[in-house]
C-alpha atoms as a PDB file:
ATOM      1  CA  MET A   1      -6.589  37.175 -48.660  1.00  0.00           C
ATOM      2  CA  ILE A   2      -8.597  36.589 -45.607  1.00  0.00           C
ATOM      3  CA  ASN A   3      -7.683  39.000 -42.773  1.00  0.00           C
ATOM      4  CA  ASP A   4      -6.963  37.231 -39.146  1.00  0.00           C
ATOM      5  CA  SER A   5     -10.682  38.916 -38.240  1.00  0.00           C
ATOM      6  CA  GLU A   6     -12.067  36.410 -40.248  1.00  0.00           C
ATOM      7  CA  ILE A   7     -10.054  33.472 -39.228  1.00  0.00           C
ATOM      8  CA  LEU A   8     -11.751  30.934 -36.534  1.00  0.00           C
ATOM      9  CA  ALA A   9      -9.575  28.023 -34.714  1.00  0.00           C
ATOM     10  CA  VAL A  10     -11.408  24.889 -34.190  1.00  0.00           C
ATOM     11  CA  ASP A  11     -11.722  21.592 -32.116  1.00  0.00           C
ATOM     12  CA  VAL A  12     -13.323  18.529 -33.496  1.00  0.00           C
ATOM     13  CA  VAL A  13     -14.039  16.880 -30.691  1.00  0.00           C
ATOM     14  CA  ILE A  14     -15.965  13.488 -29.347  1.00  0.00           C
ATOM     15  CA  LEU A  15     -17.240  13.838 -26.159  1.00  0.00           C
ATOM     16  CA  PRO A  16     -17.332  10.540 -24.354  1.00  0.00           C
ATOM     17  CA  PRO A  17     -20.549   8.917 -21.996  1.00  0.00           C
ATOM     18  CA  SER A  18     -21.177  10.473 -19.422  1.00  0.00           C
ATOM     19  CA  GLU A  19     -19.642   7.660 -17.197  1.00  0.00           C
ATOM     20  CA  VAL A  20     -16.720   8.496 -18.443  1.00  0.00           C
ATOM     21  CA  THR A  21     -16.494  12.265 -18.355  1.00  0.00           C
ATOM     22  CA  GLN A  22     -17.378  11.776 -14.453  1.00  0.00           C
ATOM     23  CA  LYS A  23     -14.422   9.441 -13.830  1.00  0.00           C
ATOM     24  CA  ALA A  24     -12.111  12.079 -16.085  1.00  0.00           C
ATOM     25  CA  VAL A  25     -13.862  15.207 -13.713  1.00  0.00           C
ATOM     26  CA  ASP A  26     -12.897  12.768 -10.634  1.00  0.00           C
ATOM     27  CA  LEU A  27      -9.322  12.312 -11.618  1.00  0.00           C
ATOM     28  CA  ALA A  28      -8.719  15.646 -12.152  1.00  0.00           C
ATOM     29  CA  GLY A  29     -10.238  16.663  -8.935  1.00  0.00           C
ATOM     30  CA  GLN A  30      -7.481  14.445  -7.471  1.00  0.00           C
ATOM     31  CA  ILE A  31      -4.524  16.295  -9.062  1.00  0.00           C
ATOM     32  CA  ARG A  32      -5.779  19.745  -8.412  1.00  0.00           C
ATOM     33  CA  ASN A  33      -4.511  21.350 -11.224  1.00  0.00           C
ATOM     34  CA  PRO A  34      -6.655  24.630 -12.176  1.00  0.00           C
ATOM     35  CA  ALA A  35      -4.940  25.766 -15.198  1.00  0.00           C
ATOM     36  CA  PHE A  36      -6.403  22.058 -16.494  1.00  0.00           C
ATOM     37  CA  GLN A  37      -9.297  21.518 -14.378  1.00  0.00           C
ATOM     38  CA  VAL A  38     -12.225  19.770 -16.457  1.00  0.00           C
ATOM     39  CA  ASP A  39     -15.516  19.676 -14.888  1.00  0.00           C
ATOM     40  CA  ALA A  40     -18.685  18.442 -16.855  1.00  0.00           C
ATOM     41  CA  ASN A  41     -19.918  21.847 -17.545  1.00  0.00           C
ATOM     42  CA  ASN A  42     -17.455  24.060 -18.445  1.00  0.00           C
ATOM     43  CA  ARG A  43     -13.885  22.096 -19.593  1.00  0.00           C
ATOM     44  CA  LEU A  44     -15.555  18.976 -21.085  1.00  0.00           C
ATOM     45  CA  PRO A  45     -13.182  16.001 -21.233  1.00  0.00           C
ATOM     46  CA  HIS A  46     -12.401  15.048 -25.106  1.00  0.00           C
ATOM     47  CA  ILE A  47     -10.901  13.471 -27.691  1.00  0.00           C
ATOM     48  CA  THR A  48      -9.541  15.391 -30.592  1.00  0.00           C
ATOM     49  CA  LEU A  49     -10.135  14.479 -33.967  1.00  0.00           C
ATOM     50  CA  ALA A  50      -8.982  17.907 -35.887  1.00  0.00           C
ATOM     51  CA  MET A  51      -7.800  20.913 -35.074  1.00  0.00           C
ATOM     52  CA  GLY A  52      -7.359  23.786 -37.265  1.00  0.00           C
ATOM     53  CA  TYR A  53      -7.855  27.607 -38.308  1.00  0.00           C
ATOM     54  CA  ILE A  54     -11.414  27.641 -40.643  1.00  0.00           C
ATOM     55  CA  SER A  55     -12.593  31.022 -42.317  1.00  0.00           C
ATOM     56  CA  ASP A  56     -16.146  29.362 -43.375  1.00  0.00           C
ATOM     57  CA  LEU A  57     -17.817  27.285 -40.103  1.00  0.00           C
ATOM     58  CA  ASP A  58     -20.760  27.053 -41.940  1.00  0.00           C
ATOM     59  CA  ALA A  59     -18.801  25.072 -44.528  1.00  0.00           C
ATOM     60  CA  THR A  60     -17.126  23.161 -41.886  1.00  0.00           C
ATOM     61  CA  ARG A  61     -20.196  21.995 -40.083  1.00  0.00           C
ATOM     62  CA  GLU A  62     -21.753  20.725 -43.595  1.00  0.00           C
ATOM     63  CA  GLN A  63     -18.204  19.005 -44.207  1.00  0.00           C
ATOM     64  CA  ILE A  64     -18.223  17.038 -40.984  1.00  0.00           C
ATOM     65  CA  GLN A  65     -21.840  16.249 -41.265  1.00  0.00           C
ATOM     66  CA  ARG A  66     -21.582  14.479 -44.339  1.00  0.00           C
ATOM     67  CA  ILE A  67     -18.425  12.686 -43.006  1.00  0.00           C
ATOM     68  CA  LEU A  68     -20.337  11.597 -40.292  1.00  0.00           C
ATOM     69  CA  SER A  69     -23.330  10.523 -41.950  1.00  0.00           C
ATOM     70  CA  VAL A  70     -21.223   7.761 -43.867  1.00  0.00           C
ATOM     71  CA  SER A  71     -18.997   6.912 -40.823  1.00  0.00           C
ATOM     72  CA  LEU A  72     -19.806   3.861 -38.745  1.00  0.00           C
ATOM     73  CA  SER A  73     -20.429   3.277 -35.333  1.00  0.00           C
ATOM     74  CA  PHE A  74     -17.814   1.895 -33.184  1.00  0.00           C
ATOM     75  CA  GLU A  75     -16.185   1.639 -29.805  1.00  0.00           C
ATOM     76  CA  LEU A  76     -13.843   3.998 -28.147  1.00  0.00           C
ATOM     77  CA  ILE A  77     -11.279   2.135 -26.132  1.00  0.00           C
ATOM     78  CA  ILE A  78      -8.952   3.588 -23.025  1.00  0.00           C
ATOM     79  CA  ASN A  79      -6.118   1.334 -23.180  1.00  0.00           C
ATOM     80  CA  LYS A  80      -4.225   3.306 -20.340  1.00  0.00           C
ATOM     81  CA  LEU A  81      -4.298   6.446 -18.030  1.00  0.00           C
ATOM     82  CA  ARG A  82      -0.929   8.928 -18.270  1.00  0.00           C
ATOM     83  CA  ILE A  83      -0.140  11.195 -15.817  1.00  0.00           C
ATOM     84  CA  GLU A  84       3.104  13.635 -16.153  1.00  0.00           C
ATOM     85  CA  LYS A  85       4.592  16.412 -14.631  1.00  0.00           C
ATOM     86  CA  MET A  86       4.184  19.591 -16.965  1.00  0.00           C
ATOM     87  CA  PRO A  87       7.035  21.966 -17.144  1.00  0.00           C
ATOM     88  CA  THR A  88       8.020  24.560 -14.985  1.00  0.00           C
ATOM     89  CA  ARG A  89       8.031  26.750 -17.307  1.00  0.00           C
ATOM     90  CA  TRP A  90       4.072  26.101 -18.850  1.00  0.00           C
ATOM     91  CA  ASN A  91       1.557  25.607 -15.877  1.00  0.00           C
ATOM     92  CA  GLY A  92       3.906  25.853 -12.963  1.00  0.00           C
ATOM     93  CA  GLY A  93       4.871  22.504 -13.338  1.00  0.00           C
ATOM     94  CA  ASN A  94       1.291  21.396 -12.055  1.00  0.00           C
ATOM     95  CA  PHE A  95       0.432  17.400 -13.237  1.00  0.00           C
ATOM     96  CA  ASP A  96      -1.683  16.943 -15.903  1.00  0.00           C
ATOM     97  CA  PHE A  97      -3.776  13.763 -17.178  1.00  0.00           C
ATOM     98  CA  SER A  98      -4.823  11.961 -19.779  1.00  0.00           C
ATOM     99  CA  LEU A  99      -7.219   8.864 -20.854  1.00  0.00           C
ATOM    100  CA  ASN A 100      -4.967   7.377 -23.515  1.00  0.00           C
ATOM    101  CA  ILE A 101      -7.746   5.971 -26.223  1.00  0.00           C
ATOM    102  CA  LEU A 102      -7.014   2.915 -28.727  1.00  0.00           C
ATOM    103  CA  LYS A 103      -6.205   4.262 -32.030  1.00  0.00           C
ATOM    104  CA  THR A 104      -8.607   1.610 -33.638  1.00  0.00           C
ATOM    105  CA  ASP A 105      -9.416   1.300 -37.492  1.00  0.00           C
ATOM    106  CA  PRO A 106     -12.435   3.079 -37.388  1.00  0.00           C
ATOM    107  CA  LEU A 107     -11.651   5.967 -35.229  1.00  0.00           C
ATOM    108  CA  MET A 108      -8.130   6.619 -37.475  1.00  0.00           C
ATOM    109  CA  GLN A 109     -10.155   6.607 -40.423  1.00  0.00           C
ATOM    110  CA  LEU A 110     -12.515   9.462 -39.240  1.00  0.00           C
ATOM    111  CA  HIS A 111      -9.963  11.120 -37.582  1.00  0.00           C
ATOM    112  CA  HIS A 112      -8.087  10.975 -41.501  1.00  0.00           C
ATOM    113  CA  LYS A 113     -10.880  12.101 -43.342  1.00  0.00           C
ATOM    114  CA  LEU A 114     -11.446  15.032 -41.329  1.00  0.00           C
ATOM    115  CA  VAL A 115      -8.181  16.194 -41.375  1.00  0.00           C
ATOM    116  CA  ALA A 116      -8.495  15.618 -44.963  1.00  0.00           C
ATOM    117  CA  ARG A 117     -11.706  17.240 -46.231  1.00  0.00           C
ATOM    118  CA  LEU A 118     -12.276  20.080 -43.845  1.00  0.00           C
ATOM    119  CA  PRO A 119     -11.293  23.428 -44.825  1.00  0.00           C
ATOM    120  CA  PHE A 120      -8.603  24.495 -42.951  1.00  0.00           C
ATOM    121  CA  ILE A 121      -6.685  26.818 -43.724  1.00  0.00           C
ATOM    122  CA  LYS A 122      -2.784  26.727 -44.060  1.00  0.00           C
ATOM    123  CA  GLY A 123      -0.414  29.017 -42.363  1.00  0.00           C
ATOM    124  CA  ARG A 124      -0.305  30.750 -39.015  1.00  0.00           C
ATOM    125  CA  SER A 125      -2.725  32.876 -37.675  1.00  0.00           C
ATOM    126  CA  SER A 126      -2.944  35.117 -34.535  1.00  0.00           C
ATOM    127  CA  ASN A 127      -4.882  34.767 -30.962  1.00  0.00           C
ATOM    128  CA  SER A 128      -7.811  36.537 -32.209  1.00  0.00           C
ATOM    129  CA  ALA A 129      -8.770  33.208 -33.831  1.00  0.00           C
ATOM    130  CA  PHE A 130      -9.622  31.765 -30.681  1.00  0.00           C
ATOM    131  CA  ILE A 131     -12.480  32.511 -28.687  1.00  0.00           C
ATOM    132  CA  GLU A 132     -11.282  34.582 -25.414  1.00  0.00           C
ATOM    133  CA  ASP A 133     -15.541  35.999 -24.612  1.00  0.00           C
ATOM    134  CA  PRO A 134     -16.480  33.699 -21.905  1.00  0.00           C
ATOM    135  CA  GLU A 135     -19.984  34.487 -22.950  1.00  0.00           C
ATOM    136  CA  ASP A 136     -19.676  33.275 -26.541  1.00  0.00           C
ATOM    137  CA  GLU A 137     -21.300  30.419 -27.728  1.00  0.00           C
ATOM    138  CA  ILE A 138     -19.512  27.142 -28.345  1.00  0.00           C
ATOM    139  CA  SER A 139     -20.445  24.181 -29.391  1.00  0.00           C
END
């Protein structure tokens, strides 16, 4: 059995090109939502492909590299901007936004491969799985 101290929460993402990142940062600046204030250094705009709990970071990295080595390159298409008010009980009712990405076949195939092949642990873990120390390096 794996104990909670051996479990890590991961978010496998695509980082958009710098010009898209800058547009997202500019939009976030207009909304002024401190809890979700993205920037180009610390809270990067991103596209989540898979999330889960793992216990073997090296095996996860190796599997991601294997999947990417046979995945074809593809375009990401932003098909709409969505701005919504968050519930008052969560984040004080401030606004949040997202740039919705068109779910193309190559993007969805990559997503499905990652979800199916990464060594995710079923079930839940405690908050200790999340990196909380700002000094910890995340990549």
